[in-house]
């Protein structure tokens, strides 16, 4: 009976890792849709978001059942609680990829981005997918050291996000207010995606050590 219970805990973590992989793929496709004005990829991300929501609901149901039936304590309790909180962050990552895809669809057949800012979003997309992919591996392997280093990798995302403000505020900006608004919102979507990936990794540190690392961003956005 106890062995089956621990199998369920491992399954819970694996499902969270799988969900994180889903939102990594969603952001990869959303970024490509944004950069290439690819309506098909945008629609794929938009239609696939419900699957992410469904996985989160299923994970929460399983987690609450374990709380009710097994009354876990210590590391087991931390695992269940961490999965519940992390699943919320992962769902939010999926929502942010969805927002990127919707922006691409809204401006189609034109591009939502001026050519001179596309390199910044290419890099932000690369970092976002890398952060999510690494977060999934951190969950599977309970790799505390890797989890602690993820925030440093997210700093590069924050640097680009800050730089975008100087780009759109520069007197040489010639793309108008609507485009500046698009760039501002899209930059925020990528930046928040990275923050949530870091949050998911920190939950792994909590499971292993019993302590939650400090947060650099606002987890409620």
C-alpha atoms as a PDB file:
ATOM      1  CA  UNK A   1       0.000   0.000   0.000  1.00  0.00           C
ATOM      2  CA  UNK A   2       2.802   2.388   0.945  1.00  0.00           C
ATOM      3  CA  UNK A   3       4.667   1.605  -2.258  1.00  0.00           C
ATOM      4  CA  UNK A   4       1.573   2.426  -4.316  1.00  0.00           C
ATOM      5  CA  UNK A   5       1.246   5.713  -2.435  1.00  0.00           C
ATOM      6  CA  UNK A   6       4.804   6.739  -3.275  1.00  0.00           C
ATOM      7  CA  UNK A   7       4.220   5.701  -6.886  1.00  0.00           C
ATOM      8  CA  UNK A   8       1.295   8.134  -6.910  1.00  0.00           C
ATOM      9  CA  UNK A   9       3.524  10.915  -5.594  1.00  0.00           C
ATOM     10  CA  UNK A  10       6.081  10.245  -8.319  1.00  0.00           C
ATOM     11  CA  UNK A  11       3.328  10.164 -10.908  1.00  0.00           C
ATOM     12  CA  UNK A  12       2.083  13.530  -9.669  1.00  0.00           C
ATOM     13  CA  UNK A  13       5.524  15.087 -10.152  1.00  0.00           C
ATOM     14  CA  UNK A  14       5.911  13.467 -13.567  1.00  0.00           C
ATOM     15  CA  UNK A  15       2.579  14.849 -14.714  1.00  0.00           C
ATOM     16  CA  UNK A  16       3.622  18.329 -13.592  1.00  0.00           C
ATOM     17  CA  UNK A  17       6.868  17.938 -15.548  1.00  0.00           C
ATOM     18  CA  UNK A  18       4.888  16.822 -18.603  1.00  0.00           C
ATOM     19  CA  UNK A  19       2.613  19.861 -18.244  1.00  0.00           C
ATOM     20  CA  UNK A  20       5.673  22.108 -18.071  1.00  0.00           C
ATOM     21  CA  UNK A  21       6.925  20.520 -21.280  1.00  0.00           C
ATOM     22  CA  UNK A  22       3.572  21.304 -22.888  1.00  0.00           C
ATOM     23  CA  UNK A  23       3.858  25.018 -22.131  1.00  0.00           C
ATOM     24  CA  UNK A  24       7.477  25.032 -23.344  1.00  0.00           C
ATOM     25  CA  UNK A  25       6.242  23.736 -26.703  1.00  0.00           C
ATOM     26  CA  UNK A  26       3.387  26.245 -26.649  1.00  0.00           C
ATOM     27  CA  UNK A  27       5.781  29.155 -26.186  1.00  0.00           C
ATOM     28  CA  UNK A  28       8.108  27.812 -28.854  1.00  0.00           C
ATOM     29  CA  UNK A  29       5.226  27.724 -31.340  1.00  0.00           C
ATOM     30  CA  UNK A  30       3.815  31.056 -30.170  1.00  0.00           C
ATOM     31  CA  UNK A  31       7.199  32.730 -30.654  1.00  0.00           C
ATOM     32  CA  UNK A  32       7.511  31.273 -34.152  1.00  0.00           C
ATOM     33  CA  UNK A  33       3.979  32.435 -34.951  1.00  0.00           C
ATOM     34  CA  UNK A  34       4.854  35.918 -33.720  1.00  0.00           C
ATOM     35  CA  UNK A  35       8.124  36.209 -35.620  1.00  0.00           C
ATOM     36  CA  UNK A  36       6.869  34.654 -38.848  1.00  0.00           C
ATOM     37  CA  UNK A  37       3.247  35.903 -38.782  1.00  0.00           C
ATOM     38  CA  UNK A  38       2.267  32.232 -39.015  1.00  0.00           C
ATOM     39  CA  UNK A  39      -1.490  31.969 -38.475  1.00  0.00           C
ATOM     40  CA  UNK A  40      -1.475  28.164 -38.434  1.00  0.00           C
ATOM     41  CA  UNK A  41       0.990  27.990 -35.548  1.00  0.00           C
ATOM     42  CA  UNK A  42      -0.904  30.691 -33.675  1.00  0.00           C
ATOM     43  CA  UNK A  43      -4.147  28.750 -33.997  1.00  0.00           C
ATOM     44  CA  UNK A  44      -2.383  25.584 -32.838  1.00  0.00           C
ATOM     45  CA  UNK A  45      -1.292  27.297 -29.621  1.00  0.00           C
ATOM     46  CA  UNK A  46      -4.708  28.845 -29.058  1.00  0.00           C
ATOM     47  CA  UNK A  47      -6.608  25.600 -29.536  1.00  0.00           C
ATOM     48  CA  UNK A  48      -4.111  23.662 -27.422  1.00  0.00           C
ATOM     49  CA  UNK A  49      -4.410  25.857 -24.342  1.00  0.00           C
ATOM     50  CA  UNK A  50      -7.481  23.977 -23.116  1.00  0.00           C
ATOM     51  CA  UNK A  51      -5.384  20.813 -22.840  1.00  0.00           C
ATOM     52  CA  UNK A  52      -3.044  22.610 -20.442  1.00  0.00           C
ATOM     53  CA  UNK A  53      -5.997  23.745 -18.339  1.00  0.00           C
ATOM     54  CA  UNK A  54      -7.397  20.219 -18.294  1.00  0.00           C
ATOM     55  CA  UNK A  55      -4.079  18.764 -17.137  1.00  0.00           C
ATOM     56  CA  UNK A  56      -3.893  21.282 -14.310  1.00  0.00           C
ATOM     57  CA  UNK A  57      -7.412  20.357 -13.164  1.00  0.00           C
ATOM     58  CA  UNK A  58      -6.541  16.671 -13.253  1.00  0.00           C
ATOM     59  CA  UNK A  59      -3.307  17.229 -11.313  1.00  0.00           C
ATOM     60  CA  UNK A  60      -5.143  19.207  -8.642  1.00  0.00           C
ATOM     61  CA  UNK A  61      -7.804  16.514  -8.296  1.00  0.00           C
ATOM     62  CA  UNK A  62      -5.124  13.869  -7.795  1.00  0.00           C
ATOM     63  CA  UNK A  63      -3.225  16.056  -5.325  1.00  0.00           C
ATOM     64  CA  UNK A  64      -6.291  16.811  -3.215  1.00  0.00           C
ATOM     65  CA  UNK A  65      -7.233  13.128  -3.208  1.00  0.00           C
ATOM     66  CA  UNK A  66      -3.796  12.305  -1.817  1.00  0.00           C
ATOM     67  CA  UNK A  67      -4.191  14.955   0.875  1.00  0.00           C
ATOM     68  CA  UNK A  68      -7.586  13.588   1.856  1.00  0.00           C
ATOM     69  CA  UNK A  69      -6.827   9.870   1.739  1.00  0.00           C
ATOM     70  CA  UNK A  70      -3.156   9.622   2.730  1.00  0.00           C
ATOM     71  CA  UNK A  71      -2.648  12.615   5.075  1.00  0.00           C
ATOM     72  CA  UNK A  72       0.964  13.063   3.927  1.00  0.00           C
ATOM     73  CA  UNK A  73       3.548  14.662   6.216  1.00  0.00           C
ATOM     74  CA  UNK A  74       7.068  16.138   5.900  1.00  0.00           C
ATOM     75  CA  UNK A  75       8.573  15.739   2.415  1.00  0.00           C
ATOM     76  CA  UNK A  76       5.477  13.997   1.049  1.00  0.00           C
ATOM     77  CA  UNK A  77       3.263  16.870   2.180  1.00  0.00           C
ATOM     78  CA  UNK A  78       5.655  19.401   0.686  1.00  0.00           C
ATOM     79  CA  UNK A  79       5.575  17.503  -2.596  1.00  0.00           C
ATOM     80  CA  UNK A  80       1.795  17.611  -2.841  1.00  0.00           C
ATOM     81  CA  UNK A  81       1.567  21.283  -1.855  1.00  0.00           C
ATOM     82  CA  UNK A  82       4.400  22.248  -4.209  1.00  0.00           C
ATOM     83  CA  UNK A  83       2.710  20.479  -7.120  1.00  0.00           C
ATOM     84  CA  UNK A  84      -0.582  22.295  -6.460  1.00  0.00           C
ATOM     85  CA  UNK A  85       1.116  25.705  -6.412  1.00  0.00           C
ATOM     86  CA  UNK A  86       3.469  24.928  -9.297  1.00  0.00           C
ATOM     87  CA  UNK A  87       0.596  23.711 -11.500  1.00  0.00           C
ATOM     88  CA  UNK A  88      -0.972  27.152 -11.126  1.00  0.00           C
ATOM     89  CA  UNK A  89       2.250  28.794 -12.316  1.00  0.00           C
ATOM     90  CA  UNK A  90       2.567  26.390 -15.231  1.00  0.00           C
ATOM     91  CA  UNK A  91      -1.017  27.080 -16.290  1.00  0.00           C
ATOM     92  CA  UNK A  92      -0.197  30.788 -16.205  1.00  0.00           C
ATOM     93  CA  UNK A  93       2.803  30.109 -18.458  1.00  0.00           C
ATOM     94  CA  UNK A  94       0.413  28.478 -20.905  1.00  0.00           C
ATOM     95  CA  UNK A  95      -1.839  31.531 -20.724  1.00  0.00           C
ATOM     96  CA  UNK A  96       1.101  33.822 -21.503  1.00  0.00           C
ATOM     97  CA  UNK A  97       2.018  31.721 -24.553  1.00  0.00           C
ATOM     98  CA  UNK A  98      -1.649  31.981 -25.527  1.00  0.00           C
ATOM     99  CA  UNK A  99      -1.476  35.793 -25.298  1.00  0.00           C
ATOM    100  CA  UNK A 100       1.554  35.813 -27.601  1.00  0.00           C
ATOM    101  CA  UNK A 101      -0.244  33.605 -30.118  1.00  0.00           C
ATOM    102  CA  UNK A 102      -3.356  35.792 -29.995  1.00  0.00           C
ATOM    103  CA  UNK A 103      -1.251  38.882 -30.678  1.00  0.00           C
ATOM    104  CA  UNK A 104       0.179  37.158 -33.751  1.00  0.00           C
ATOM    105  CA  UNK A 105      -3.307  36.203 -34.913  1.00  0.00           C
ATOM    106  CA  UNK A 106      -4.708  39.678 -34.264  1.00  0.00           C
ATOM    107  CA  UNK A 107      -2.153  41.363 -36.531  1.00  0.00           C
ATOM    108  CA  UNK A 108      -2.153  38.690 -39.250  1.00  0.00           C
ATOM    109  CA  UNK A 109      -1.327  38.849 -42.154  1.00  0.00           C
ATOM    110  CA  UNK A 110       0.924  41.682 -40.976  1.00  0.00           C
ATOM    111  CA  UNK A 111       3.560  41.066 -38.322  1.00  0.00           C
ATOM    112  CA  UNK A 112       2.870  42.242 -34.777  1.00  0.00           C
ATOM    113  CA  UNK A 113       6.546  43.221 -34.514  1.00  0.00           C
ATOM    114  CA  UNK A 114       8.653  45.726 -36.456  1.00  0.00           C
ATOM    115  CA  UNK A 115      11.693  44.072 -37.996  1.00  0.00           C
ATOM    116  CA  UNK A 116      14.142  45.978 -35.802  1.00  0.00           C
ATOM    117  CA  UNK A 117      12.811  44.446 -32.562  1.00  0.00           C
ATOM    118  CA  UNK A 118      12.441  40.881 -33.845  1.00  0.00           C
ATOM    119  CA  UNK A 119      15.970  39.876 -32.750  1.00  0.00           C
ATOM    120  CA  UNK A 120      15.067  40.785 -29.151  1.00  0.00           C
ATOM    121  CA  UNK A 121      11.967  38.596 -29.246  1.00  0.00           C
ATOM    122  CA  UNK A 122      13.863  35.776 -30.920  1.00  0.00           C
ATOM    123  CA  UNK A 123      16.187  35.756 -27.926  1.00  0.00           C
ATOM    124  CA  UNK A 124      13.376  36.157 -25.375  1.00  0.00           C
ATOM    125  CA  UNK A 125      11.575  33.234 -26.940  1.00  0.00           C
ATOM    126  CA  UNK A 126      14.710  31.113 -26.832  1.00  0.00           C
ATOM    127  CA  UNK A 127      15.279  31.924 -23.162  1.00  0.00           C
ATOM    128  CA  UNK A 128      11.629  31.294 -22.279  1.00  0.00           C
ATOM    129  CA  UNK A 129      11.602  27.839 -23.858  1.00  0.00           C
ATOM    130  CA  UNK A 130      14.945  26.981 -22.252  1.00  0.00           C
ATOM    131  CA  UNK A 131      13.702  28.043 -18.803  1.00  0.00           C
ATOM    132  CA  UNK A 132      10.541  25.956 -19.134  1.00  0.00           C
ATOM    133  CA  UNK A 133      12.415  22.933 -20.481  1.00  0.00           C
ATOM    134  CA  UNK A 134      14.918  23.117 -17.642  1.00  0.00           C
ATOM    135  CA  UNK A 135      12.118  23.548 -15.090  1.00  0.00           C
ATOM    136  CA  UNK A 136      10.565  20.311 -16.358  1.00  0.00           C
ATOM    137  CA  UNK A 137      13.870  18.471 -15.886  1.00  0.00           C
ATOM    138  CA  UNK A 138      14.337  20.008 -12.446  1.00  0.00           C
ATOM    139  CA  UNK A 139      10.943  18.634 -11.402  1.00  0.00           C
ATOM    140  CA  UNK A 140      11.792  15.149 -12.679  1.00  0.00           C
ATOM    141  CA  UNK A 141      15.233  15.007 -11.094  1.00  0.00           C
ATOM    142  CA  UNK A 142      14.669  17.172  -7.980  1.00  0.00           C
ATOM    143  CA  UNK A 143      17.858  19.004  -8.933  1.00  0.00           C
ATOM    144  CA  UNK A 144      18.228  21.729  -6.307  1.00  0.00           C
ATOM    145  CA  UNK A 145      21.467  23.207  -7.652  1.00  0.00           C
ATOM    146  CA  UNK A 146      20.042  23.506 -11.133  1.00  0.00           C
ATOM    147  CA  UNK A 147      16.890  25.072  -9.705  1.00  0.00           C
ATOM    148  CA  UNK A 148      18.932  27.673  -7.858  1.00  0.00           C
ATOM    149  CA  UNK A 149      20.816  28.616 -11.026  1.00  0.00           C
ATOM    150  CA  UNK A 150      17.661  29.118 -13.076  1.00  0.00           C
ATOM    151  CA  UNK A 151      17.044  32.594 -11.674  1.00  0.00           C
ATOM    152  CA  UNK A 152      20.419  33.723 -13.002  1.00  0.00           C
ATOM    153  CA  UNK A 153      19.412  32.557 -16.471  1.00  0.00           C
ATOM    154  CA  UNK A 154      16.176  34.519 -16.131  1.00  0.00           C
ATOM    155  CA  UNK A 155      18.208  37.690 -15.548  1.00  0.00           C
ATOM    156  CA  UNK A 156      19.005  37.757 -19.274  1.00  0.00           C
ATOM    157  CA  UNK A 157      15.269  37.870 -20.007  1.00  0.00           C
ATOM    158  CA  UNK A 158      14.830  40.757 -17.580  1.00  0.00           C
ATOM    159  CA  UNK A 159      17.695  42.659 -19.221  1.00  0.00           C
ATOM    160  CA  UNK A 160      16.108  42.399 -22.669  1.00  0.00           C
ATOM    161  CA  UNK A 161      12.720  43.357 -21.269  1.00  0.00           C
ATOM    162  CA  UNK A 162      14.190  46.520 -19.722  1.00  0.00           C
ATOM    163  CA  UNK A 163      16.057  47.347 -22.928  1.00  0.00           C
ATOM    164  CA  UNK A 164      12.846  47.209 -24.956  1.00  0.00           C
ATOM    165  CA  UNK A 165      11.576  50.248 -23.076  1.00  0.00           C
ATOM    166  CA  UNK A 166      14.573  52.287 -24.178  1.00  0.00           C
ATOM    167  CA  UNK A 167      14.009  51.121 -27.771  1.00  0.00           C
ATOM    168  CA  UNK A 168      10.383  52.208 -27.971  1.00  0.00           C
ATOM    169  CA  UNK A 169      11.040  55.473 -26.105  1.00  0.00           C
ATOM    170  CA  UNK A 170      13.926  56.423 -28.375  1.00  0.00           C
ATOM    171  CA  UNK A 171      13.281  59.437 -30.610  1.00  0.00           C
ATOM    172  CA  UNK A 172      14.217  57.256 -33.587  1.00  0.00           C
ATOM    173  CA  UNK A 173      11.175  54.995 -32.992  1.00  0.00           C
ATOM    174  CA  UNK A 174       9.134  55.349 -36.179  1.00  0.00           C
ATOM    175  CA  UNK A 175       6.518  52.626 -35.836  1.00  0.00           C
ATOM    176  CA  UNK A 176       3.804  54.531 -34.013  1.00  0.00           C
ATOM    177  CA  UNK A 177       1.930  54.168 -30.757  1.00  0.00           C
ATOM    178  CA  UNK A 178       0.019  50.968 -31.597  1.00  0.00           C
ATOM    179  CA  UNK A 179       3.228  49.127 -32.380  1.00  0.00           C
ATOM    180  CA  UNK A 180       4.863  50.447 -29.212  1.00  0.00           C
ATOM    181  CA  UNK A 181       1.926  49.112 -27.194  1.00  0.00           C
ATOM    182  CA  UNK A 182       2.242  45.701 -28.876  1.00  0.00           C
ATOM    183  CA  UNK A 183       5.953  45.522 -28.130  1.00  0.00           C
ATOM    184  CA  UNK A 184       5.413  46.587 -24.516  1.00  0.00           C
ATOM    185  CA  UNK A 185       2.718  43.980 -23.881  1.00  0.00           C
ATOM    186  CA  UNK A 186       4.556  41.202 -25.668  1.00  0.00           C
ATOM    187  CA  UNK A 187       7.756  41.942 -23.779  1.00  0.00           C
ATOM    188  CA  UNK A 188       5.797  41.707 -20.537  1.00  0.00           C
ATOM    189  CA  UNK A 189       4.329  38.328 -21.555  1.00  0.00           C
ATOM    190  CA  UNK A 190       7.781  36.842 -22.106  1.00  0.00           C
ATOM    191  CA  UNK A 191       9.208  38.380 -18.942  1.00  0.00           C
ATOM    192  CA  UNK A 192       6.382  37.027 -16.780  1.00  0.00           C
ATOM    193  CA  UNK A 193       6.671  33.600 -18.429  1.00  0.00           C
ATOM    194  CA  UNK A 194      10.284  33.460 -17.299  1.00  0.00           C
ATOM    195  CA  UNK A 195       9.362  34.516 -13.768  1.00  0.00           C
ATOM    196  CA  UNK A 196       6.805  31.721 -13.499  1.00  0.00           C
ATOM    197  CA  UNK A 197       9.331  29.152 -14.739  1.00  0.00           C
ATOM    198  CA  UNK A 198      11.676  30.271 -11.960  1.00  0.00           C
ATOM    199  CA  UNK A 199       8.815  29.990  -9.472  1.00  0.00           C
ATOM    200  CA  UNK A 200       8.191  26.382 -10.530  1.00  0.00           C
ATOM    201  CA  UNK A 201      11.868  25.558 -10.015  1.00  0.00           C
ATOM    202  CA  UNK A 202      11.816  27.138  -6.566  1.00  0.00           C
ATOM    203  CA  UNK A 203       8.999  24.817  -5.569  1.00  0.00           C
ATOM    204  CA  UNK A 204      11.414  21.938  -6.155  1.00  0.00           C
ATOM    205  CA  UNK A 205      13.899  23.531  -3.753  1.00  0.00           C
ATOM    206  CA  UNK A 206      11.068  23.739  -1.214  1.00  0.00           C
ATOM    207  CA  UNK A 207      10.266  20.037  -1.624  1.00  0.00           C
ATOM    208  CA  UNK A 208      13.857  18.935  -1.098  1.00  0.00           C
ATOM    209  CA  UNK A 209      15.010  21.411   1.557  1.00  0.00           C
ATOM    210  CA  UNK A 210      11.800  22.455   3.290  1.00  0.00           C
ATOM    211  CA  UNK A 211      12.602  26.114   2.638  1.00  0.00           C
ATOM    212  CA  UNK A 212      11.205  28.381  -0.059  1.00  0.00           C
ATOM    213  CA  UNK A 213      13.835  30.624  -1.702  1.00  0.00           C
ATOM    214  CA  UNK A 214      13.050  34.339  -1.919  1.00  0.00           C
ATOM    215  CA  UNK A 215      11.208  35.651  -4.946  1.00  0.00           C
ATOM    216  CA  UNK A 216      12.441  38.410  -7.190  1.00  0.00           C
ATOM    217  CA  UNK A 217       9.114  39.121  -8.891  1.00  0.00           C
ATOM    218  CA  UNK A 218       5.455  39.498  -8.075  1.00  0.00           C
ATOM    219  CA  UNK A 219       3.916  36.033  -8.251  1.00  0.00           C
ATOM    220  CA  UNK A 220       0.391  37.375  -8.532  1.00  0.00           C
ATOM    221  CA  UNK A 221       0.731  38.864 -11.986  1.00  0.00           C
END
